[in-house]
């Protein structure tokens, strides 16, 4: 007996983020405003920054670009205006480290 896997037929809107991020955004947009929703927005933004760094190694996507993409993918339902999201803007990149290289001794 073989099981048929259900295949999602809707197109991916932004391929550099992938279907999982797109599904997380649609799930979060369907939630009522709460602290859990704000935490999910921050988590999604961190995932998007990491994926964007892998996809575009030459240019670093700022958090403003990620914010615009979240708003675009959620059709304006997520605004990314929580204090935790603003705190994320202060981080240099997704890993929380600077991009400067260390000098060898």
C-alpha atoms as a PDB file:
ATOM      1  CA  UNK A   1       0.000   0.000   0.000  1.00  0.00           C
ATOM      2  CA  UNK A   2       1.467   3.312  -1.070  1.00  0.00           C
ATOM      3  CA  UNK A   3       0.528   6.620   0.435  1.00  0.00           C
ATOM      4  CA  UNK A   4       0.095   9.608  -1.811  1.00  0.00           C
ATOM      5  CA  UNK A   5       1.719  12.734  -0.478  1.00  0.00           C
ATOM      6  CA  UNK A   6      -0.348  15.846  -0.776  1.00  0.00           C
ATOM      7  CA  UNK A   7       1.470  18.332  -2.965  1.00  0.00           C
ATOM      8  CA  UNK A   8       0.854  22.028  -2.576  1.00  0.00           C
ATOM      9  CA  UNK A   9      -0.185  23.478  -5.907  1.00  0.00           C
ATOM     10  CA  UNK A  10      -0.110  27.190  -5.106  1.00  0.00           C
ATOM     11  CA  UNK A  11       2.978  28.960  -6.430  1.00  0.00           C
ATOM     12  CA  UNK A  12       5.657  30.266  -4.094  1.00  0.00           C
ATOM     13  CA  UNK A  13       5.533  34.052  -4.092  1.00  0.00           C
ATOM     14  CA  UNK A  14       9.173  34.662  -3.123  1.00  0.00           C
ATOM     15  CA  UNK A  15      11.385  31.697  -3.883  1.00  0.00           C
ATOM     16  CA  UNK A  16      14.343  32.941  -1.874  1.00  0.00           C
ATOM     17  CA  UNK A  17      12.317  32.462   1.341  1.00  0.00           C
ATOM     18  CA  UNK A  18      10.572  29.218   0.421  1.00  0.00           C
ATOM     19  CA  UNK A  19       7.166  27.719   1.036  1.00  0.00           C
ATOM     20  CA  UNK A  20       7.673  27.135   4.766  1.00  0.00           C
ATOM     21  CA  UNK A  21       8.232  30.825   5.473  1.00  0.00           C
ATOM     22  CA  UNK A  22       5.255  31.670   3.264  1.00  0.00           C
ATOM     23  CA  UNK A  23       3.080  29.225   5.230  1.00  0.00           C
ATOM     24  CA  UNK A  24       4.341  30.612   8.564  1.00  0.00           C
ATOM     25  CA  UNK A  25       3.408  34.130   7.460  1.00  0.00           C
ATOM     26  CA  UNK A  26      -0.096  33.091   6.379  1.00  0.00           C
ATOM     27  CA  UNK A  27      -0.606  31.244   9.696  1.00  0.00           C
ATOM     28  CA  UNK A  28       0.609  34.233  11.725  1.00  0.00           C
ATOM     29  CA  UNK A  29      -1.553  36.637   9.713  1.00  0.00           C
ATOM     30  CA  UNK A  30      -4.633  34.581  10.576  1.00  0.00           C
ATOM     31  CA  UNK A  31      -3.969  34.923  14.332  1.00  0.00           C
ATOM     32  CA  UNK A  32      -5.445  37.581  16.594  1.00  0.00           C
ATOM     33  CA  UNK A  33      -2.969  40.278  17.759  1.00  0.00           C
ATOM     34  CA  UNK A  34      -1.160  38.997  20.854  1.00  0.00           C
ATOM     35  CA  UNK A  35       2.279  38.546  22.355  1.00  0.00           C
ATOM     36  CA  UNK A  36       2.544  35.141  20.682  1.00  0.00           C
ATOM     37  CA  UNK A  37       1.872  36.714  17.281  1.00  0.00           C
ATOM     38  CA  UNK A  38       4.564  39.341  17.911  1.00  0.00           C
ATOM     39  CA  UNK A  39       7.040  36.608  18.861  1.00  0.00           C
ATOM     40  CA  UNK A  40       6.204  34.699  15.678  1.00  0.00           C
ATOM     41  CA  UNK A  41       6.780  37.848  13.600  1.00  0.00           C
ATOM     42  CA  UNK A  42      10.260  38.211  15.088  1.00  0.00           C
ATOM     43  CA  UNK A  43      11.021  34.533  14.527  1.00  0.00           C
ATOM     44  CA  UNK A  44       9.856  34.735  10.912  1.00  0.00           C
ATOM     45  CA  UNK A  45      12.008  37.837  10.352  1.00  0.00           C
ATOM     46  CA  UNK A  46      15.060  36.006  11.723  1.00  0.00           C
ATOM     47  CA  UNK A  47      14.376  33.040   9.418  1.00  0.00           C
ATOM     48  CA  UNK A  48      13.960  35.371   6.459  1.00  0.00           C
ATOM     49  CA  UNK A  49      17.244  37.143   7.175  1.00  0.00           C
ATOM     50  CA  UNK A  50      19.086  33.841   7.390  1.00  0.00           C
ATOM     51  CA  UNK A  51      17.585  32.541   4.165  1.00  0.00           C
ATOM     52  CA  UNK A  52      18.281  35.793   2.394  1.00  0.00           C
ATOM     53  CA  UNK A  53      21.925  35.651   3.466  1.00  0.00           C
ATOM     54  CA  UNK A  54      22.201  32.155   1.974  1.00  0.00           C
ATOM     55  CA  UNK A  55      20.404  33.159  -1.234  1.00  0.00           C
ATOM     56  CA  UNK A  56      22.193  36.508  -1.723  1.00  0.00           C
ATOM     57  CA  UNK A  57      25.691  36.168  -0.349  1.00  0.00           C
ATOM     58  CA  UNK A  58      26.944  39.381  -1.939  1.00  0.00           C
ATOM     59  CA  UNK A  59      24.462  41.750  -0.391  1.00  0.00           C
ATOM     60  CA  UNK A  60      23.090  41.711   3.099  1.00  0.00           C
ATOM     61  CA  UNK A  61      19.371  42.236   3.348  1.00  0.00           C
ATOM     62  CA  UNK A  62      18.576  44.773   5.982  1.00  0.00           C
ATOM     63  CA  UNK A  63      15.725  44.322   8.377  1.00  0.00           C
ATOM     64  CA  UNK A  64      13.804  47.001   6.477  1.00  0.00           C
ATOM     65  CA  UNK A  65      13.818  44.793   3.378  1.00  0.00           C
ATOM     66  CA  UNK A  66      12.605  41.857   5.474  1.00  0.00           C
ATOM     67  CA  UNK A  67       9.867  44.043   6.962  1.00  0.00           C
ATOM     68  CA  UNK A  68       8.692  45.071   3.489  1.00  0.00           C
ATOM     69  CA  UNK A  69       8.671  41.439   2.363  1.00  0.00           C
ATOM     70  CA  UNK A  70       6.646  40.343   5.410  1.00  0.00           C
ATOM     71  CA  UNK A  71       4.098  43.063   4.728  1.00  0.00           C
ATOM     72  CA  UNK A  72       3.953  42.085   1.054  1.00  0.00           C
ATOM     73  CA  UNK A  73       3.623  38.347   1.745  1.00  0.00           C
ATOM     74  CA  UNK A  74       0.904  38.882   4.373  1.00  0.00           C
ATOM     75  CA  UNK A  75      -1.010  41.321   2.141  1.00  0.00           C
ATOM     76  CA  UNK A  76      -0.639  44.028   4.786  1.00  0.00           C
ATOM     77  CA  UNK A  77      -2.022  41.963   7.695  1.00  0.00           C
ATOM     78  CA  UNK A  78       1.308  41.894   9.556  1.00  0.00           C
ATOM     79  CA  UNK A  79       2.807  45.310  10.298  1.00  0.00           C
ATOM     80  CA  UNK A  80       6.001  44.370  12.207  1.00  0.00           C
ATOM     81  CA  UNK A  81       5.698  47.249  14.649  1.00  0.00           C
ATOM     82  CA  UNK A  82       6.236  45.449  17.966  1.00  0.00           C
ATOM     83  CA  UNK A  83       9.049  46.552  20.322  1.00  0.00           C
ATOM     84  CA  UNK A  84      10.726  43.131  19.942  1.00  0.00           C
ATOM     85  CA  UNK A  85      10.856  43.619  16.179  1.00  0.00           C
ATOM     86  CA  UNK A  86      12.433  47.051  16.651  1.00  0.00           C
ATOM     87  CA  UNK A  87      15.040  45.447  18.933  1.00  0.00           C
ATOM     88  CA  UNK A  88      15.846  42.954  16.161  1.00  0.00           C
ATOM     89  CA  UNK A  89      16.727  45.904  13.907  1.00  0.00           C
ATOM     90  CA  UNK A  90      19.738  46.612  16.094  1.00  0.00           C
ATOM     91  CA  UNK A  91      21.347  43.246  15.314  1.00  0.00           C
ATOM     92  CA  UNK A  92      24.053  43.376  12.623  1.00  0.00           C
ATOM     93  CA  UNK A  93      22.970  40.174  10.834  1.00  0.00           C
ATOM     94  CA  UNK A  94      20.997  36.967  11.309  1.00  0.00           C
ATOM     95  CA  UNK A  95      23.700  35.203  13.301  1.00  0.00           C
ATOM     96  CA  UNK A  96      24.062  38.162  15.657  1.00  0.00           C
ATOM     97  CA  UNK A  97      27.706  38.666  14.722  1.00  0.00           C
ATOM     98  CA  UNK A  98      29.366  41.361  12.715  1.00  0.00           C
ATOM     99  CA  UNK A  99      30.490  40.780   9.163  1.00  0.00           C
ATOM    100  CA  UNK A 100      34.032  42.071   9.753  1.00  0.00           C
ATOM    101  CA  UNK A 101      36.751  39.467   9.348  1.00  0.00           C
ATOM    102  CA  UNK A 102      39.238  38.740  12.076  1.00  0.00           C
ATOM    103  CA  UNK A 103      42.905  39.360  11.382  1.00  0.00           C
ATOM    104  CA  UNK A 104      45.271  36.422  11.521  1.00  0.00           C
ATOM    105  CA  UNK A 105      48.221  36.633  13.870  1.00  0.00           C
END
